Every structure is written in structure tokens, then in C-alpha cells.
């Protein structure tokens, strides 16, 4: 029986999202400390995930469902900026 190893990747965030060659590309970053210990951490490209647009849409929908659950559980709080963005999106959808 062949053993499968799962790989975990840590990222502090997404540096950029690109659409190139028909694929969506996420550039994940980690924050690296200032070598002198005095400045702000520097975001450094760490990994890239590439997926087709349908995979991106599926991932986005999954993330939105998780965000909704985290909001309901009180883990996340809505901000005024998020409400403004949601209101603009709602108006755009109704057109």
C-alpha cells in the first residue's frame, strides 16, 4: 500500500491574484521580519496556486459560505467598509 503525504502550506495572505493564460493565479506571501529588527515585516512571495476559472469560482463560493458561518458564530465581525462593499454589490446585482 502506497503512503500518501499531505503537505500543509502556511501563508500570511495573498499578495496578488492574476488572470493570465486563461488561469487564475494566487500568489501567497509570508511576512518576514526586518533583518535589523527595527522595521515592519516584509511580504515575501512563498507559493503560487493556479486554477481554472471554474475552480476559482467554486473556491470563492466555498470561502463565502465559510465567511457567512464565521459571521453567524461571532468569530468575525462586519465592518462599515464591508457593509459599504456589500451594499454596492447588491445595487449592481439588481441592475
N, C-alpha and C. Protein backbone atom coordinates (compact mmCIF):
# COMPACT_ATOMS: atom_id res chain seq x y z
N UNK A 1 0.84 -1.18 0.00
CA UNK A 1 0.00 0.00 0.00
C UNK A 1 0.88 1.24 0.00
N UNK A 2 0.58 2.15 -0.92
CA UNK A 2 1.38 3.36 -1.08
C UNK A 2 0.94 4.42 -0.07
N UNK A 3 1.92 5.00 0.64
CA UNK A 3 1.61 6.03 1.63
C UNK A 3 1.51 7.39 0.96
N UNK A 4 0.47 8.14 1.32
CA UNK A 4 0.26 9.48 0.77
C UNK A 4 0.62 10.49 1.84
N UNK A 5 1.44 11.47 1.47
CA UNK A 5 1.81 12.53 2.40
C UNK A 5 1.03 13.78 2.04
N UNK A 6 0.40 14.35 3.05
CA UNK A 6 -0.30 15.62 2.86
C UNK A 6 0.68 16.75 3.15
N UNK A 7 0.62 17.77 2.33
CA UNK A 7 1.51 18.91 2.50
C UNK A 7 0.68 20.10 2.97
N UNK A 8 1.10 20.69 4.07
CA UNK A 8 0.44 21.90 4.56
C UNK A 8 1.29 23.10 4.19
N UNK A 9 0.63 24.14 3.76
CA UNK A 9 1.31 25.38 3.38
C UNK A 9 0.74 26.49 4.24
N UNK A 10 1.61 27.26 4.87
CA UNK A 10 1.18 28.42 5.65
C UNK A 10 1.40 29.67 4.82
N UNK A 11 0.44 30.60 4.88
CA UNK A 11 0.60 31.90 4.22
C UNK A 11 -0.02 32.95 5.13
N UNK A 12 0.60 34.11 5.18
CA UNK A 12 0.03 35.24 5.92
C UNK A 12 -1.07 35.92 5.12
N UNK A 13 -1.07 35.68 3.81
CA UNK A 13 -2.09 36.29 2.98
C UNK A 13 -1.81 36.06 1.51
N UNK A 14 -2.64 36.69 0.70
CA UNK A 14 -2.47 36.64 -0.75
C UNK A 14 -1.88 37.97 -1.18
N UNK A 15 -0.74 37.92 -1.82
CA UNK A 15 -0.09 39.15 -2.29
C UNK A 15 -0.79 39.70 -3.51
N UNK A 16 -1.06 38.83 -4.47
CA UNK A 16 -1.72 39.25 -5.71
C UNK A 16 -2.53 38.09 -6.26
N UNK A 17 -3.57 38.44 -7.01
CA UNK A 17 -4.33 37.46 -7.78
C UNK A 17 -4.28 37.93 -9.22
N UNK A 18 -3.87 37.04 -10.13
CA UNK A 18 -3.73 37.37 -11.56
C UNK A 18 -4.65 36.48 -12.38
N UNK A 19 -5.02 36.96 -13.55
CA UNK A 19 -5.68 36.12 -14.54
C UNK A 19 -4.80 36.16 -15.79
N UNK A 20 -4.07 35.08 -16.03
CA UNK A 20 -3.11 35.02 -17.14
C UNK A 20 -3.26 33.67 -17.84
N UNK A 21 -3.27 33.68 -19.16
CA UNK A 21 -3.32 32.43 -19.92
C UNK A 21 -4.56 31.60 -19.62
N UNK A 22 -5.65 32.28 -19.31
CA UNK A 22 -6.89 31.57 -19.04
C UNK A 22 -6.97 30.94 -17.67
N UNK A 23 -6.01 31.23 -16.80
CA UNK A 23 -5.99 30.64 -15.46
C UNK A 23 -5.90 31.73 -14.40
N UNK A 24 -6.49 31.45 -13.23
CA UNK A 24 -6.41 32.35 -12.09
C UNK A 24 -5.20 31.92 -11.26
N UNK A 25 -4.37 32.90 -10.90
CA UNK A 25 -3.14 32.60 -10.16
C UNK A 25 -3.12 33.39 -8.86
N UNK A 26 -2.98 32.67 -7.76
CA UNK A 26 -2.88 33.27 -6.43
C UNK A 26 -1.42 33.25 -6.01
N UNK A 27 -0.86 34.39 -5.70
CA UNK A 27 0.50 34.47 -5.15
C UNK A 27 0.39 34.65 -3.64
N UNK A 28 0.74 33.60 -2.89
CA UNK A 28 0.68 33.64 -1.45
C UNK A 28 1.97 34.21 -0.88
N UNK A 29 1.84 34.96 0.22
CA UNK A 29 3.00 35.60 0.84
C UNK A 29 3.13 35.18 2.30
N UNK A 30 4.34 35.29 2.80
CA UNK A 30 4.59 35.20 4.24
C UNK A 30 5.28 36.49 4.63
N UNK A 31 5.11 36.88 5.87
CA UNK A 31 5.75 38.10 6.36
C UNK A 31 7.08 37.73 7.01
N UNK A 32 8.13 38.36 6.51
CA UNK A 32 9.47 38.10 7.02
C UNK A 32 9.95 39.30 7.82
N UNK A 33 10.54 39.06 8.99
CA UNK A 33 10.97 40.17 9.82
C UNK A 33 12.09 40.97 9.18
N UNK A 34 12.16 42.22 9.56
CA UNK A 34 13.25 43.09 9.12
C UNK A 34 14.55 42.51 9.69
N UNK A 35 15.59 42.34 8.85
CA UNK A 35 16.85 41.75 9.33
C UNK A 35 17.45 42.50 10.53
N UNK A 36 17.24 43.80 10.59
CA UNK A 36 17.80 44.60 11.69
C UNK A 36 16.86 44.63 12.90
N UNK A 37 15.65 44.07 12.73
CA UNK A 37 14.71 44.01 13.84
C UNK A 37 14.05 45.31 14.18
N UNK A 38 14.13 46.31 13.29
CA UNK A 38 13.58 47.62 13.60
C UNK A 38 12.38 48.00 12.73
N UNK A 39 12.33 47.50 11.53
CA UNK A 39 11.27 47.90 10.60
C UNK A 39 10.10 46.94 10.60
N UNK A 40 9.16 47.26 9.73
CA UNK A 40 7.98 46.41 9.55
C UNK A 40 8.36 45.13 8.82
N UNK A 41 7.62 44.04 9.06
CA UNK A 41 7.88 42.81 8.30
C UNK A 41 7.65 43.04 6.80
N UNK A 42 8.39 42.31 5.99
CA UNK A 42 8.29 42.44 4.54
C UNK A 42 7.52 41.25 3.97
N UNK A 43 6.49 41.52 3.12
CA UNK A 43 5.80 40.40 2.49
C UNK A 43 6.70 39.77 1.42
N UNK A 44 6.85 38.45 1.46
CA UNK A 44 7.70 37.73 0.53
C UNK A 44 6.87 36.64 -0.15
N UNK A 45 6.93 36.59 -1.49
CA UNK A 45 6.23 35.56 -2.26
C UNK A 45 6.71 34.20 -1.79
N UNK A 46 5.75 33.30 -1.53
CA UNK A 46 6.10 32.00 -0.99
C UNK A 46 5.64 30.85 -1.88
N UNK A 47 4.39 30.87 -2.30
CA UNK A 47 3.82 29.80 -3.11
C UNK A 47 2.84 30.40 -4.11
N UNK A 48 2.54 29.65 -5.17
CA UNK A 48 1.53 30.07 -6.14
C UNK A 48 0.59 28.89 -6.39
N UNK A 49 -0.69 29.20 -6.41
CA UNK A 49 -1.70 28.20 -6.79
C UNK A 49 -2.35 28.69 -8.07
N UNK A 50 -2.47 27.79 -9.03
CA UNK A 50 -3.05 28.12 -10.33
C UNK A 50 -4.27 27.22 -10.53
N UNK A 51 -5.40 27.85 -10.92
CA UNK A 51 -6.60 27.06 -11.14
C UNK A 51 -7.43 27.65 -12.28
N UNK A 52 -8.26 26.82 -12.90
CA UNK A 52 -9.12 27.32 -13.97
C UNK A 52 -10.21 28.22 -13.36
N UNK A 53 -10.83 29.08 -14.19
CA UNK A 53 -11.85 29.98 -13.67
C UNK A 53 -12.98 29.27 -12.92
N UNK A 54 -13.41 28.10 -13.39
CA UNK A 54 -14.49 27.38 -12.70
C UNK A 54 -14.03 26.93 -11.31
N UNK A 55 -12.79 26.51 -11.20
CA UNK A 55 -12.25 26.13 -9.89
C UNK A 55 -12.16 27.33 -8.96
N UNK A 56 -11.77 28.49 -9.51
CA UNK A 56 -11.72 29.73 -8.74
C UNK A 56 -13.11 30.09 -8.22
N UNK A 57 -14.13 29.99 -9.09
CA UNK A 57 -15.49 30.31 -8.69
C UNK A 57 -15.97 29.37 -7.58
N UNK A 58 -15.67 28.10 -7.72
CA UNK A 58 -16.05 27.12 -6.70
C UNK A 58 -15.36 27.43 -5.37
N UNK A 59 -14.07 27.76 -5.43
CA UNK A 59 -13.32 28.11 -4.21
C UNK A 59 -13.89 29.37 -3.58
N UNK A 60 -14.22 30.36 -4.40
CA UNK A 60 -14.79 31.61 -3.90
C UNK A 60 -16.12 31.35 -3.19
N UNK A 61 -16.97 30.53 -3.80
CA UNK A 61 -18.26 30.20 -3.18
C UNK A 61 -18.07 29.49 -1.84
N UNK A 62 -17.10 28.58 -1.78
CA UNK A 62 -16.81 27.88 -0.52
C UNK A 62 -16.32 28.86 0.54
N UNK A 63 -15.47 29.80 0.15
CA UNK A 63 -14.97 30.80 1.09
C UNK A 63 -16.10 31.70 1.59
N UNK A 64 -17.01 32.08 0.69
CA UNK A 64 -18.13 32.93 1.08
C UNK A 64 -19.03 32.21 2.08
N UNK A 65 -19.27 30.92 1.87
CA UNK A 65 -20.07 30.14 2.81
C UNK A 65 -19.40 30.07 4.18
N UNK A 66 -18.08 29.90 4.20
CA UNK A 66 -17.35 29.86 5.47
C UNK A 66 -17.39 31.23 6.15
N UNK A 67 -17.25 32.30 5.39
CA UNK A 67 -17.33 33.65 5.96
C UNK A 67 -18.69 33.85 6.61
N UNK A 68 -19.76 33.44 5.94
CA UNK A 68 -21.11 33.58 6.49
C UNK A 68 -21.24 32.82 7.81
N UNK A 69 -20.68 31.60 7.88
CA UNK A 69 -20.73 30.81 9.11
C UNK A 69 -19.92 31.47 10.22
N UNK A 70 -18.76 32.02 9.89
CA UNK A 70 -17.93 32.69 10.89
C UNK A 70 -18.60 33.96 11.41
N UNK A 71 -19.32 34.67 10.54
CA UNK A 71 -20.09 35.84 10.97
C UNK A 71 -21.21 35.42 11.91
N UNK A 72 -21.93 34.36 11.56
CA UNK A 72 -23.03 33.87 12.40
C UNK A 72 -22.52 33.42 13.77
N UNK A 73 -21.34 32.81 13.80
CA UNK A 73 -20.77 32.31 15.06
C UNK A 73 -20.13 33.43 15.89
N UNK A 74 -19.99 34.62 15.31
CA UNK A 74 -19.38 35.73 16.02
C UNK A 74 -17.87 35.73 15.99
N UNK A 75 -17.28 34.83 15.21
CA UNK A 75 -15.81 34.79 15.08
C UNK A 75 -15.32 36.01 14.31
N UNK A 76 -16.07 36.39 13.28
CA UNK A 76 -15.78 37.59 12.50
C UNK A 76 -16.86 38.63 12.77
N UNK A 77 -16.49 39.90 12.65
CA UNK A 77 -17.45 41.00 12.79
C UNK A 77 -17.48 41.77 11.49
N UNK A 78 -18.69 42.20 11.12
CA UNK A 78 -18.84 43.05 9.94
C UNK A 78 -18.31 44.44 10.24
N UNK A 79 -17.63 45.05 9.27
CA UNK A 79 -17.15 46.43 9.43
C UNK A 79 -17.97 47.34 8.54
N UNK A 80 -17.88 48.63 8.78
CA UNK A 80 -18.59 49.59 7.95
C UNK A 80 -18.12 49.49 6.50
N UNK A 81 -16.82 49.26 6.30
CA UNK A 81 -16.28 49.15 4.93
C UNK A 81 -16.88 47.93 4.23
N UNK A 82 -17.00 46.81 4.92
CA UNK A 82 -17.57 45.60 4.32
C UNK A 82 -19.03 45.82 3.99
N UNK A 83 -19.77 46.52 4.87
CA UNK A 83 -21.18 46.81 4.60
C UNK A 83 -21.33 47.68 3.36
N UNK A 84 -20.43 48.64 3.20
CA UNK A 84 -20.47 49.52 2.03
C UNK A 84 -20.23 48.71 0.76
N UNK A 85 -19.26 47.83 0.80
CA UNK A 85 -18.94 46.99 -0.36
C UNK A 85 -20.14 46.09 -0.66
N UNK A 86 -20.75 45.48 0.38
CA UNK A 86 -21.91 44.62 0.17
C UNK A 86 -23.07 45.40 -0.43
N UNK A 87 -23.29 46.63 0.06
CA UNK A 87 -24.39 47.45 -0.45
C UNK A 87 -24.18 47.77 -1.92
N UNK A 88 -22.95 48.10 -2.32
CA UNK A 88 -22.65 48.39 -3.71
C UNK A 88 -22.87 47.15 -4.58
N UNK A 89 -22.46 46.00 -4.08
CA UNK A 89 -22.63 44.75 -4.83
C UNK A 89 -24.12 44.43 -5.01
N UNK A 90 -24.92 44.67 -3.95
CA UNK A 90 -26.35 44.42 -4.04
C UNK A 90 -27.00 45.32 -5.09
N UNK A 91 -26.62 46.61 -5.12
CA UNK A 91 -27.17 47.53 -6.10
C UNK A 91 -26.80 47.10 -7.51
N UNK A 92 -25.55 46.66 -7.69
CA UNK A 92 -25.07 46.23 -9.00
C UNK A 92 -25.83 44.98 -9.47
N UNK A 93 -26.10 44.04 -8.54
CA UNK A 93 -26.82 42.81 -8.88
C UNK A 93 -28.26 43.10 -9.30
N UNK A 94 -28.88 44.14 -8.75
CA UNK A 94 -30.27 44.45 -9.03
C UNK A 94 -30.45 45.15 -10.36
N UNK A 95 -29.38 45.65 -10.95
CA UNK A 95 -29.48 46.36 -12.24
C UNK A 95 -29.71 45.39 -13.37
